[in-house]
Amino acid sequence: MKKEKDQEQRGFLYDFYSLLHDLVYILAAITLIFVFCVRLVGVNGDSMFPTLHDGDYLALQSNVLMGDLEYGDIIVARKLSFENGEPIVKRVIATEGQTVRICEDDNGVTHVYVDGVALDEPYINGDMVNTPYYTVVEDDCIFVMGDNRNHSSDSRVASIGQIRLDQVLGKVLFIVFPGADKVTNERDYSRIGSVN
């Protein structure tokens, strides 16, 4: 009888140890995934409206794995010279060596030109106010802008300027959880998914 109790107790302790062992490995794997592969961040502000809304939660592909950035990618970066280094979410407009010019066309409509070609930007919020601008993107840097052009602090602002690649935290993969609408206070769950 005592032998059976001892075996039962050892069996319980062995099962408990095995469970604890497995949990430690699972937590370590999750930690590695969220440190080196995917990060979660929240959107604060309306500079990327209508693509992203204030309060959206995003999944980022970590800068360790994101590869080369190109026009149209949405990134999260940290620039210490802007708002105490709070992360910013912006769209890549140009990469190193490219020229960026913002000016009106012959019809008085303001466009962003990269290497002399006007960008087709169906994602922006309304017409952009004409604020003439010209720059050449430096080595290992990107030029970024918000989709809500008239209400975005981005590479056009001196406190942000061009973003160095080592300041990029990651590339946005998808919306994990949508922010609440400011008027109705409701969440549009159909927005969960990839971002373009």
N, C-alpha and C. Protein backbone atom coordinates (compact mmCIF):
# COMPACT_ATOMS: atom_id res chain seq x y z
N MET A 1 0.82 -1.20 0.00
CA MET A 1 0.00 0.00 0.00
C MET A 1 0.86 1.26 0.00
N LYS A 2 1.90 1.29 0.91
CA LYS A 2 2.79 2.44 0.98
C LYS A 2 3.58 2.59 -0.32
N LYS A 3 3.98 1.45 -0.89
CA LYS A 3 4.74 1.47 -2.14
C LYS A 3 3.92 2.11 -3.26
N GLU A 4 2.63 1.76 -3.31
CA GLU A 4 1.74 2.34 -4.33
C GLU A 4 1.59 3.84 -4.15
N LYS A 5 1.48 4.28 -2.87
CA LYS A 5 1.37 5.73 -2.60
C LYS A 5 2.63 6.47 -3.03
N ASP A 6 3.79 5.87 -2.72
CA ASP A 6 5.06 6.50 -3.12
C ASP A 6 5.16 6.61 -4.64
N GLN A 7 4.74 5.55 -5.33
CA GLN A 7 4.78 5.58 -6.80
C GLN A 7 3.81 6.62 -7.34
N GLU A 8 2.64 6.72 -6.69
CA GLU A 8 1.64 7.71 -7.13
C GLU A 8 2.16 9.13 -6.92
N GLN A 9 2.82 9.35 -5.76
CA GLN A 9 3.38 10.68 -5.48
C GLN A 9 4.51 11.01 -6.45
N ARG A 10 5.38 10.01 -6.72
CA ARG A 10 6.45 10.24 -7.69
C ARG A 10 5.88 10.52 -9.07
N GLY A 11 4.81 9.80 -9.42
CA GLY A 11 4.15 10.02 -10.71
C GLY A 11 3.60 11.43 -10.83
N PHE A 12 2.98 11.92 -9.73
CA PHE A 12 2.44 13.28 -9.72
C PHE A 12 3.57 14.31 -9.86
N LEU A 13 4.64 14.11 -9.08
CA LEU A 13 5.78 15.04 -9.14
C LEU A 13 6.44 15.03 -10.52
N TYR A 14 6.56 13.84 -11.10
CA TYR A 14 7.14 13.73 -12.44
C TYR A 14 6.27 14.46 -13.46
N ASP A 15 4.93 14.25 -13.37
CA ASP A 15 4.01 14.94 -14.29
C ASP A 15 4.07 16.45 -14.11
N PHE A 16 4.13 16.89 -12.83
CA PHE A 16 4.21 18.33 -12.55
C PHE A 16 5.52 18.90 -13.10
N TYR A 17 6.63 18.20 -12.88
CA TYR A 17 7.92 18.65 -13.40
C TYR A 17 7.90 18.70 -14.93
N SER A 18 7.31 17.70 -15.56
CA SER A 18 7.23 17.67 -17.03
C SER A 18 6.42 18.85 -17.55
N LEU A 19 5.30 19.13 -16.88
CA LEU A 19 4.46 20.27 -17.29
C LEU A 19 5.22 21.58 -17.13
N LEU A 20 5.87 21.76 -15.98
CA LEU A 20 6.65 22.97 -15.74
C LEU A 20 7.77 23.11 -16.76
N HIS A 21 8.45 22.03 -17.06
CA HIS A 21 9.53 22.01 -18.06
C HIS A 21 9.01 22.46 -19.42
N ASP A 22 7.86 21.91 -19.83
CA ASP A 22 7.26 22.26 -21.12
C ASP A 22 6.83 23.73 -21.15
N LEU A 23 6.26 24.22 -20.05
CA LEU A 23 5.85 25.62 -19.99
C LEU A 23 7.02 26.57 -20.13
N VAL A 24 8.14 26.24 -19.51
CA VAL A 24 9.34 27.07 -19.63
C VAL A 24 9.80 27.15 -21.08
N TYR A 25 9.82 26.02 -21.77
CA TYR A 25 10.22 26.02 -23.19
C TYR A 25 9.24 26.79 -24.06
N ILE A 26 7.95 26.65 -23.78
CA ILE A 26 6.94 27.38 -24.56
C ILE A 26 7.09 28.88 -24.34
N LEU A 27 7.25 29.30 -23.08
CA LEU A 27 7.44 30.73 -22.80
C LEU A 27 8.72 31.27 -23.42
N ALA A 28 9.77 30.48 -23.41
CA ALA A 28 11.03 30.92 -24.04
C ALA A 28 10.84 31.08 -25.54
N ALA A 29 10.13 30.15 -26.17
CA ALA A 29 9.88 30.24 -27.62
C ALA A 29 9.04 31.46 -27.95
N ILE A 30 7.99 31.71 -27.15
CA ILE A 30 7.14 32.88 -27.39
C ILE A 30 7.95 34.16 -27.23
N THR A 31 8.79 34.21 -26.20
CA THR A 31 9.63 35.39 -25.98
C THR A 31 10.55 35.62 -27.17
N LEU A 32 11.21 34.58 -27.65
CA LEU A 32 12.10 34.73 -28.81
C LEU A 32 11.34 35.20 -30.04
N ILE A 33 10.14 34.67 -30.24
CA ILE A 33 9.33 35.09 -31.40
C ILE A 33 9.01 36.57 -31.30
N PHE A 34 8.58 37.03 -30.10
CA PHE A 34 8.19 38.43 -29.97
C PHE A 34 9.37 39.38 -29.89
N VAL A 35 10.56 38.89 -29.60
CA VAL A 35 11.74 39.76 -29.58
C VAL A 35 12.39 39.84 -30.96
N PHE A 36 12.49 38.70 -31.64
CA PHE A 36 13.24 38.66 -32.90
C PHE A 36 12.39 38.57 -34.16
N CYS A 37 11.14 38.21 -34.06
CA CYS A 37 10.33 38.02 -35.27
C CYS A 37 9.18 39.01 -35.38
N VAL A 38 8.34 39.07 -34.38
CA VAL A 38 7.13 39.89 -34.44
C VAL A 38 7.05 40.75 -33.19
N ARG A 39 6.63 42.00 -33.39
CA ARG A 39 6.40 42.90 -32.26
C ARG A 39 4.97 43.43 -32.37
N LEU A 40 4.41 43.82 -31.23
CA LEU A 40 3.08 44.44 -31.22
C LEU A 40 3.23 45.89 -30.79
N VAL A 41 2.58 46.82 -31.52
CA VAL A 41 2.61 48.24 -31.17
C VAL A 41 1.24 48.84 -31.39
N GLY A 42 0.98 49.92 -30.69
CA GLY A 42 -0.28 50.64 -30.85
C GLY A 42 -0.07 51.92 -31.64
N VAL A 43 -1.09 52.32 -32.38
CA VAL A 43 -1.05 53.58 -33.14
C VAL A 43 -1.57 54.69 -32.23
N ASN A 44 -0.82 55.79 -32.19
CA ASN A 44 -1.23 56.93 -31.38
C ASN A 44 -1.31 58.15 -32.29
N GLY A 45 -2.53 58.57 -32.63
CA GLY A 45 -2.72 59.73 -33.49
C GLY A 45 -3.32 59.36 -34.83
N ASP A 46 -3.58 60.40 -35.62
CA ASP A 46 -4.28 60.23 -36.90
C ASP A 46 -3.41 60.49 -38.12
N SER A 47 -2.09 60.47 -37.97
CA SER A 47 -1.22 60.81 -39.11
C SER A 47 -1.26 59.78 -40.23
N MET A 48 -1.73 58.55 -39.95
CA MET A 48 -1.81 57.52 -41.00
C MET A 48 -3.25 57.24 -41.42
N PHE A 49 -4.20 58.09 -41.01
CA PHE A 49 -5.59 57.93 -41.42
C PHE A 49 -5.70 58.17 -42.92
N PRO A 50 -6.44 57.45 -43.69
CA PRO A 50 -7.44 56.44 -43.35
C PRO A 50 -6.89 55.01 -43.28
N THR A 51 -5.61 54.80 -43.59
CA THR A 51 -5.06 53.45 -43.58
C THR A 51 -5.06 52.87 -42.17
N LEU A 52 -4.56 53.64 -41.21
CA LEU A 52 -4.53 53.22 -39.81
C LEU A 52 -5.25 54.26 -38.97
N HIS A 53 -5.90 53.80 -37.92
CA HIS A 53 -6.66 54.68 -37.05
C HIS A 53 -6.02 54.76 -35.68
N ASP A 54 -6.27 55.85 -34.99
CA ASP A 54 -5.80 56.01 -33.63
C ASP A 54 -6.33 54.84 -32.79
N GLY A 55 -5.44 54.18 -32.05
CA GLY A 55 -5.85 53.07 -31.20
C GLY A 55 -5.72 51.69 -31.84
N ASP A 56 -5.39 51.63 -33.14
CA ASP A 56 -5.17 50.32 -33.77
C ASP A 56 -3.96 49.65 -33.13
N TYR A 57 -4.01 48.32 -33.02
CA TYR A 57 -2.85 47.55 -32.59
C TYR A 57 -2.31 46.80 -33.80
N LEU A 58 -0.99 46.90 -34.00
CA LEU A 58 -0.35 46.36 -35.20
C LEU A 58 0.66 45.28 -34.86
N ALA A 59 0.80 44.32 -35.77
CA ALA A 59 1.87 43.34 -35.69
C ALA A 59 2.96 43.77 -36.64
N LEU A 60 4.18 43.84 -36.14
CA LEU A 60 5.33 44.25 -36.95
C LEU A 60 6.24 43.07 -37.21
N GLN A 61 6.78 43.04 -38.42
CA GLN A 61 7.88 42.12 -38.69
C GLN A 61 9.12 42.82 -38.17
N SER A 62 9.81 42.19 -37.25
CA SER A 62 10.95 42.81 -36.58
C SER A 62 12.02 43.25 -37.59
N ASN A 63 12.76 44.30 -37.23
CA ASN A 63 13.82 44.81 -38.10
C ASN A 63 14.90 43.76 -38.36
N VAL A 64 14.98 42.75 -37.52
CA VAL A 64 15.96 41.68 -37.72
C VAL A 64 15.63 40.87 -38.98
N LEU A 65 14.32 40.75 -39.28
CA LEU A 65 13.88 39.89 -40.39
C LEU A 65 13.24 40.64 -41.56
N MET A 66 13.04 41.93 -41.45
CA MET A 66 12.20 42.64 -42.43
C MET A 66 12.83 42.78 -43.82
N GLY A 67 14.12 42.64 -43.95
CA GLY A 67 14.75 42.78 -45.26
C GLY A 67 14.79 44.23 -45.72
N ASP A 68 14.97 44.44 -47.02
CA ASP A 68 15.05 45.79 -47.57
C ASP A 68 13.67 46.44 -47.59
N LEU A 69 13.66 47.73 -47.26
CA LEU A 69 12.41 48.49 -47.31
C LEU A 69 12.25 49.09 -48.69
N GLU A 70 11.00 49.25 -49.12
CA GLU A 70 10.73 49.85 -50.42
C GLU A 70 9.51 50.73 -50.33
N TYR A 71 9.29 51.50 -51.39
CA TYR A 71 8.16 52.42 -51.44
C TYR A 71 6.87 51.68 -51.09
N GLY A 72 6.07 52.31 -50.22
CA GLY A 72 4.77 51.76 -49.85
C GLY A 72 4.77 50.99 -48.56
N ASP A 73 5.94 50.50 -48.11
CA ASP A 73 5.99 49.79 -46.84
C ASP A 73 5.60 50.74 -45.71
N ILE A 74 4.88 50.23 -44.73
CA ILE A 74 4.56 51.02 -43.54
C ILE A 74 5.45 50.51 -42.42
N ILE A 75 6.14 51.46 -41.79
CA ILE A 75 7.13 51.10 -40.77
C ILE A 75 6.82 51.79 -39.45
N VAL A 76 7.43 51.26 -38.40
CA VAL A 76 7.43 51.93 -37.10
C VAL A 76 8.88 52.23 -36.78
N ALA A 77 9.14 53.48 -36.40
CA ALA A 77 10.52 53.90 -36.10
C ALA A 77 10.53 54.68 -34.80
N ARG A 78 11.72 54.80 -34.25
CA ARG A 78 11.89 55.60 -33.03
C ARG A 78 12.96 56.64 -33.32
N LYS A 79 12.58 57.92 -33.19
CA LYS A 79 13.49 59.03 -33.43
C LYS A 79 13.56 59.83 -32.13
N LEU A 80 14.70 59.80 -31.45
CA LEU A 80 14.82 60.44 -30.14
C LEU A 80 14.55 61.93 -30.18
N SER A 81 14.80 62.57 -31.33
CA SER A 81 14.60 64.01 -31.44
C SER A 81 13.13 64.39 -31.57
N PHE A 82 12.23 63.40 -31.67
CA PHE A 82 10.80 63.69 -31.83
C PHE A 82 10.00 63.08 -30.69
N GLU A 83 9.31 63.93 -29.94
CA GLU A 83 8.42 63.51 -28.85
C GLU A 83 9.05 62.46 -27.94
N ASN A 84 10.24 62.76 -27.45
CA ASN A 84 10.96 61.91 -26.49
C ASN A 84 11.15 60.47 -26.97
N GLY A 85 11.28 60.30 -28.26
CA GLY A 85 11.56 58.97 -28.80
C GLY A 85 10.35 58.05 -28.89
N GLU A 86 9.14 58.61 -28.77
CA GLU A 86 7.94 57.78 -28.92
C GLU A 86 7.92 57.19 -30.33
N PRO A 87 7.52 55.93 -30.49
CA PRO A 87 7.49 55.32 -31.82
C PRO A 87 6.52 56.05 -32.75
N ILE A 88 6.92 56.16 -34.02
CA ILE A 88 6.06 56.78 -35.03
C ILE A 88 5.78 55.75 -36.13
N VAL A 89 4.58 55.84 -36.70
CA VAL A 89 4.17 54.93 -37.77
C VAL A 89 4.03 55.76 -39.04
N LYS A 90 4.76 55.40 -40.10
CA LYS A 90 4.74 56.16 -41.34
C LYS A 90 4.91 55.23 -42.54
N ARG A 91 4.67 55.79 -43.72
CA ARG A 91 4.83 55.05 -44.98
C ARG A 91 6.14 55.44 -45.64
N VAL A 92 6.87 54.45 -46.15
CA VAL A 92 8.12 54.71 -46.87
C VAL A 92 7.78 55.32 -48.23
N ILE A 93 8.38 56.47 -48.50
CA ILE A 93 8.15 57.17 -49.77
C ILE A 93 9.36 57.00 -50.69
N ALA A 94 10.56 57.04 -50.11
CA ALA A 94 11.78 56.92 -50.92
C ALA A 94 12.89 56.31 -50.08
N THR A 95 13.83 55.69 -50.76
CA THR A 95 14.97 55.06 -50.09
C THR A 95 16.26 55.75 -50.53
N GLU A 96 17.39 55.28 -50.00
CA GLU A 96 18.66 55.97 -50.20
C GLU A 96 18.96 56.25 -51.67
N GLY A 97 19.46 57.48 -51.90
CA GLY A 97 19.85 57.88 -53.25
C GLY A 97 18.73 58.46 -54.09
N GLN A 98 17.48 58.29 -53.67
CA GLN A 98 16.36 58.82 -54.46
C GLN A 98 16.11 60.28 -54.12
N THR A 99 15.56 61.01 -55.10
CA THR A 99 15.19 62.41 -54.86
C THR A 99 13.70 62.49 -54.56
N VAL A 100 13.35 63.38 -53.65
CA VAL A 100 11.94 63.61 -53.30
C VAL A 100 11.65 65.09 -53.53
N ARG A 101 10.61 65.35 -54.33
CA ARG A 101 10.20 66.74 -54.58
C ARG A 101 8.70 66.81 -54.38
N ILE A 102 8.26 67.81 -53.64
CA ILE A 102 6.82 68.05 -53.43
C ILE A 102 6.51 69.40 -54.03
N CYS A 103 5.59 69.41 -55.00
CA CYS A 103 5.22 70.67 -55.64
C CYS A 103 3.91 70.51 -56.40
N GLU A 104 3.37 71.62 -56.85
CA GLU A 104 2.13 71.60 -57.62
C GLU A 104 2.40 71.24 -59.07
N ASP A 105 1.42 70.56 -59.69
CA ASP A 105 1.51 70.31 -61.13
C ASP A 105 0.88 71.50 -61.87
N ASP A 106 0.73 71.39 -63.18
CA ASP A 106 0.19 72.49 -63.99
C ASP A 106 -1.25 72.83 -63.64
N ASN A 107 -1.96 71.89 -63.02
CA ASN A 107 -3.36 72.12 -62.63
C ASN A 107 -3.51 72.62 -61.20
N GLY A 108 -2.40 72.87 -60.53
CA GLY A 108 -2.44 73.37 -59.16
C GLY A 108 -2.64 72.29 -58.11
N VAL A 109 -2.47 71.03 -58.49
CA VAL A 109 -2.61 69.92 -57.54
C VAL A 109 -1.22 69.53 -57.04
N THR A 110 -1.08 69.40 -55.74
CA THR A 110 0.22 69.07 -55.14
C THR A 110 0.46 67.57 -55.21
N HIS A 111 1.65 67.20 -55.67
CA HIS A 111 2.05 65.79 -55.77
C HIS A 111 3.41 65.59 -55.13
N VAL A 112 3.68 64.33 -54.80
CA VAL A 112 5.02 63.93 -54.36
C VAL A 112 5.67 63.26 -55.57
N TYR A 113 6.86 63.74 -55.93
CA TYR A 113 7.62 63.17 -57.04
C TYR A 113 8.85 62.47 -56.49
N VAL A 114 9.07 61.24 -56.87
CA VAL A 114 10.28 60.51 -56.50
C VAL A 114 11.06 60.24 -57.77
N ASP A 115 12.28 60.74 -57.84
CA ASP A 115 13.12 60.65 -59.03
C ASP A 115 12.39 61.19 -60.26
N GLY A 116 11.63 62.28 -60.04
CA GLY A 116 10.95 62.96 -61.14
C GLY A 116 9.61 62.38 -61.55
N VAL A 117 9.18 61.29 -60.93
CA VAL A 117 7.91 60.65 -61.29
C VAL A 117 6.89 60.88 -60.18
N ALA A 118 5.71 61.39 -60.55
CA ALA A 118 4.66 61.63 -59.57
C ALA A 118 4.13 60.29 -59.04
N LEU A 119 4.02 60.18 -57.72
CA LEU A 119 3.52 58.95 -57.11
C LEU A 119 2.01 58.87 -57.26
N ASP A 120 1.51 57.67 -57.52
CA ASP A 120 0.07 57.41 -57.51
C ASP A 120 -0.26 57.00 -56.08
N GLU A 121 -0.99 57.85 -55.36
CA GLU A 121 -1.20 57.62 -53.94
C GLU A 121 -2.69 57.60 -53.58
N PRO A 122 -3.38 56.50 -53.90
CA PRO A 122 -4.81 56.42 -53.59
C PRO A 122 -5.09 56.31 -52.09
N TYR A 123 -4.06 56.06 -51.30
CA TYR A 123 -4.23 55.84 -49.87
C TYR A 123 -4.23 57.12 -49.05
N ILE A 124 -3.89 58.28 -49.63
CA ILE A 124 -3.80 59.50 -48.81
C ILE A 124 -5.19 60.06 -48.52
N ASN A 125 -5.24 60.85 -47.44
CA ASN A 125 -6.50 61.45 -46.99
C ASN A 125 -6.63 62.85 -47.56
N GLY A 126 -7.36 62.98 -48.66
CA GLY A 126 -7.60 64.29 -49.26
C GLY A 126 -6.41 64.85 -50.02
N ASP A 127 -6.61 66.04 -50.59
CA ASP A 127 -5.54 66.70 -51.33
C ASP A 127 -4.53 67.30 -50.37
N MET A 128 -3.29 67.25 -50.78
CA MET A 128 -2.21 67.77 -49.95
C MET A 128 -2.05 69.27 -50.18
N VAL A 129 -1.86 70.00 -49.08
CA VAL A 129 -1.59 71.44 -49.16
C VAL A 129 -0.20 71.61 -49.74
N ASN A 130 -0.03 72.59 -50.63
CA ASN A 130 1.26 72.80 -51.27
C ASN A 130 2.27 73.38 -50.29
N THR A 131 3.25 72.58 -49.96
CA THR A 131 4.40 73.03 -49.17
C THR A 131 5.63 72.54 -49.92
N PRO A 132 6.15 73.36 -50.83
CA PRO A 132 7.28 72.93 -51.66
C PRO A 132 8.42 72.35 -50.83
N TYR A 133 9.00 71.26 -51.36
CA TYR A 133 10.02 70.55 -50.61
C TYR A 133 10.89 69.80 -51.60
N TYR A 134 12.19 69.71 -51.28
CA TYR A 134 13.10 68.92 -52.12
C TYR A 134 14.21 68.35 -51.24
N THR A 135 14.55 67.08 -51.47
CA THR A 135 15.67 66.47 -50.76
C THR A 135 16.18 65.27 -51.52
N VAL A 136 17.39 64.88 -51.21
CA VAL A 136 17.96 63.63 -51.69
C VAL A 136 18.13 62.73 -50.47
N VAL A 137 17.64 61.51 -50.55
CA VAL A 137 17.69 60.61 -49.40
C VAL A 137 19.13 60.12 -49.22
N GLU A 138 19.63 60.27 -47.99
CA GLU A 138 21.01 59.91 -47.67
C GLU A 138 21.19 58.40 -47.59
N ASP A 139 22.45 57.96 -47.59
CA ASP A 139 22.76 56.54 -47.47
C ASP A 139 22.20 55.97 -46.17
N ASP A 140 21.71 54.73 -46.24
CA ASP A 140 21.16 54.02 -45.08
C ASP A 140 20.01 54.78 -44.41
N CYS A 141 19.24 55.52 -45.20
CA CYS A 141 18.11 56.28 -44.68
C CYS A 141 16.88 56.04 -45.55
N ILE A 142 15.73 56.39 -45.01
CA ILE A 142 14.49 56.39 -45.77
C ILE A 142 13.76 57.70 -45.53
N PHE A 143 12.93 58.08 -46.48
CA PHE A 143 12.09 59.27 -46.36
C PHE A 143 10.68 58.76 -46.15
N VAL A 144 10.01 59.22 -45.08
CA VAL A 144 8.69 58.70 -44.73
C VAL A 144 7.67 59.84 -44.64
N MET A 145 6.41 59.50 -44.91
CA MET A 145 5.31 60.45 -44.77
C MET A 145 4.09 59.73 -44.23
N GLY A 146 3.23 60.47 -43.55
CA GLY A 146 1.96 59.92 -43.11
C GLY A 146 0.94 59.99 -44.23
N ASP A 147 -0.06 59.12 -44.20
CA ASP A 147 -1.10 59.13 -45.24
C ASP A 147 -2.05 60.31 -45.06
N ASN A 148 -2.15 60.84 -43.87
CA ASN A 148 -2.97 62.02 -43.59
C ASN A 148 -2.05 63.24 -43.72
N ARG A 149 -1.66 63.53 -44.96
CA ARG A 149 -0.54 64.44 -45.27
C ARG A 149 -0.63 65.81 -44.60
N ASN A 150 -1.83 66.36 -44.49
CA ASN A 150 -1.95 67.71 -43.93
C ASN A 150 -1.93 67.69 -42.40
N HIS A 151 -1.90 66.51 -41.80
CA HIS A 151 -1.91 66.40 -40.33
C HIS A 151 -0.88 65.35 -39.89
N SER A 152 0.29 65.40 -40.50
CA SER A 152 1.32 64.41 -40.19
C SER A 152 2.67 65.08 -39.98
N SER A 153 3.30 64.74 -38.86
CA SER A 153 4.70 65.10 -38.66
C SER A 153 5.50 63.94 -39.20
N ASP A 154 6.32 64.20 -40.20
CA ASP A 154 7.05 63.13 -40.87
C ASP A 154 8.40 63.65 -41.34
N SER A 155 8.99 63.06 -42.38
CA SER A 155 10.33 63.46 -42.82
C SER A 155 10.42 64.91 -43.28
N ARG A 156 9.28 65.54 -43.51
CA ARG A 156 9.30 66.95 -43.89
C ARG A 156 9.59 67.86 -42.70
N VAL A 157 9.46 67.34 -41.49
CA VAL A 157 9.65 68.12 -40.26
C VAL A 157 11.07 67.91 -39.75
N ALA A 158 11.73 69.00 -39.37
CA ALA A 158 13.14 68.93 -38.97
C ALA A 158 13.38 67.99 -37.79
N SER A 159 12.46 67.90 -36.84
CA SER A 159 12.68 67.04 -35.67
C SER A 159 12.62 65.55 -36.01
N ILE A 160 12.09 65.22 -37.20
CA ILE A 160 12.09 63.83 -37.65
C ILE A 160 13.09 63.66 -38.77
N GLY A 161 12.91 64.38 -39.86
CA GLY A 161 13.83 64.28 -40.99
C GLY A 161 13.87 62.87 -41.55
N GLN A 162 14.96 62.56 -42.20
CA GLN A 162 15.12 61.22 -42.75
C GLN A 162 15.35 60.23 -41.61
N ILE A 163 14.82 59.03 -41.77
CA ILE A 163 14.94 57.99 -40.75
C ILE A 163 16.08 57.06 -41.12
N ARG A 164 17.03 56.89 -40.20
CA ARG A 164 18.10 55.92 -40.43
C ARG A 164 17.54 54.51 -40.29
N LEU A 165 18.05 53.59 -41.05
CA LEU A 165 17.54 52.21 -41.01
C LEU A 165 17.67 51.59 -39.63
N ASP A 166 18.69 52.00 -38.86
CA ASP A 166 18.83 51.43 -37.51
C ASP A 166 17.82 52.01 -36.52
N GLN A 167 17.04 53.00 -36.95
CA GLN A 167 15.98 53.56 -36.10
C GLN A 167 14.63 52.90 -36.38
N VAL A 168 14.58 52.05 -37.39
CA VAL A 168 13.34 51.36 -37.74
C VAL A 168 13.17 50.15 -36.83
N LEU A 169 12.02 50.07 -36.16
CA LEU A 169 11.73 48.94 -35.27
C LEU A 169 11.20 47.75 -36.04
N GLY A 170 10.49 48.02 -37.14
CA GLY A 170 9.95 46.93 -37.94
C GLY A 170 8.98 47.41 -38.99
N LYS A 171 8.54 46.48 -39.82
CA LYS A 171 7.60 46.75 -40.90
C LYS A 171 6.24 46.21 -40.50
N VAL A 172 5.18 47.01 -40.71
CA VAL A 172 3.83 46.62 -40.32
C VAL A 172 3.35 45.47 -41.21
N LEU A 173 2.89 44.40 -40.56
CA LEU A 173 2.34 43.25 -41.28
C LEU A 173 0.82 43.34 -41.38
N PHE A 174 0.16 43.54 -40.23
CA PHE A 174 -1.29 43.59 -40.25
C PHE A 174 -1.84 44.24 -38.97
N ILE A 175 -3.12 44.59 -39.03
CA ILE A 175 -3.83 45.12 -37.88
C ILE A 175 -4.31 43.93 -37.05
N VAL A 176 -3.92 43.91 -35.79
CA VAL A 176 -4.31 42.83 -34.89
C VAL A 176 -5.66 43.14 -34.24
N PHE A 177 -5.84 44.41 -33.86
CA PHE A 177 -7.06 44.83 -33.16
C PHE A 177 -7.34 46.28 -33.56
N PRO A 178 -8.53 46.57 -34.07
CA PRO A 178 -8.82 47.93 -34.54
C PRO A 178 -9.14 48.88 -33.40
N GLY A 179 -8.76 50.14 -33.60
CA GLY A 179 -9.11 51.18 -32.64
C GLY A 179 -10.58 51.55 -32.77
N ALA A 180 -11.12 52.18 -31.74
CA ALA A 180 -12.53 52.58 -31.74
C ALA A 180 -12.70 53.86 -32.55
N ASP A 181 -13.81 53.94 -33.29
CA ASP A 181 -14.16 55.15 -34.03
C ASP A 181 -14.39 56.29 -33.05
N LYS A 182 -13.86 57.47 -33.35
CA LYS A 182 -13.95 58.60 -32.42
C LYS A 182 -15.37 59.12 -32.26
N VAL A 183 -16.21 58.95 -33.29
CA VAL A 183 -17.59 59.46 -33.23
C VAL A 183 -18.52 58.42 -32.60
N THR A 184 -18.51 57.20 -33.12
CA THR A 184 -19.45 56.17 -32.67
C THR A 184 -18.90 55.33 -31.52
N ASN A 185 -17.59 55.39 -31.27
CA ASN A 185 -16.91 54.59 -30.26
C ASN A 185 -17.04 53.09 -30.52
N GLU A 186 -17.29 52.72 -31.78
CA GLU A 186 -17.39 51.31 -32.16
C GLU A 186 -16.14 50.90 -32.92
N ARG A 187 -15.86 49.60 -32.90
CA ARG A 187 -14.69 49.05 -33.60
C ARG A 187 -15.14 48.34 -34.86
N ASP A 188 -14.43 48.60 -35.96
CA ASP A 188 -14.72 47.94 -37.22
C ASP A 188 -13.79 46.74 -37.35
N TYR A 189 -14.30 45.56 -36.95
CA TYR A 189 -13.47 44.37 -36.93
C TYR A 189 -13.12 43.87 -38.34
N SER A 190 -13.80 44.38 -39.36
CA SER A 190 -13.45 43.99 -40.73
C SER A 190 -12.09 44.55 -41.13
N ARG A 191 -11.57 45.51 -40.36
CA ARG A 191 -10.25 46.10 -40.66
C ARG A 191 -9.10 45.21 -40.19
N ILE A 192 -9.39 44.17 -39.40
CA ILE A 192 -8.33 43.25 -38.97
C ILE A 192 -7.76 42.56 -40.20
N GLY A 193 -6.47 42.57 -40.32
CA GLY A 193 -5.82 41.91 -41.45
C GLY A 193 -4.68 42.73 -42.01
N SER A 194 -4.24 42.39 -43.21
CA SER A 194 -3.06 43.03 -43.79
C SER A 194 -3.32 44.49 -44.11
N VAL A 195 -2.23 45.24 -44.15
CA VAL A 195 -2.27 46.68 -44.38
C VAL A 195 -1.51 46.99 -45.66
N ASN A 196 -2.09 47.84 -46.54
CA ASN A 196 -1.35 48.26 -47.73
C ASN A 196 -1.35 49.76 -47.85
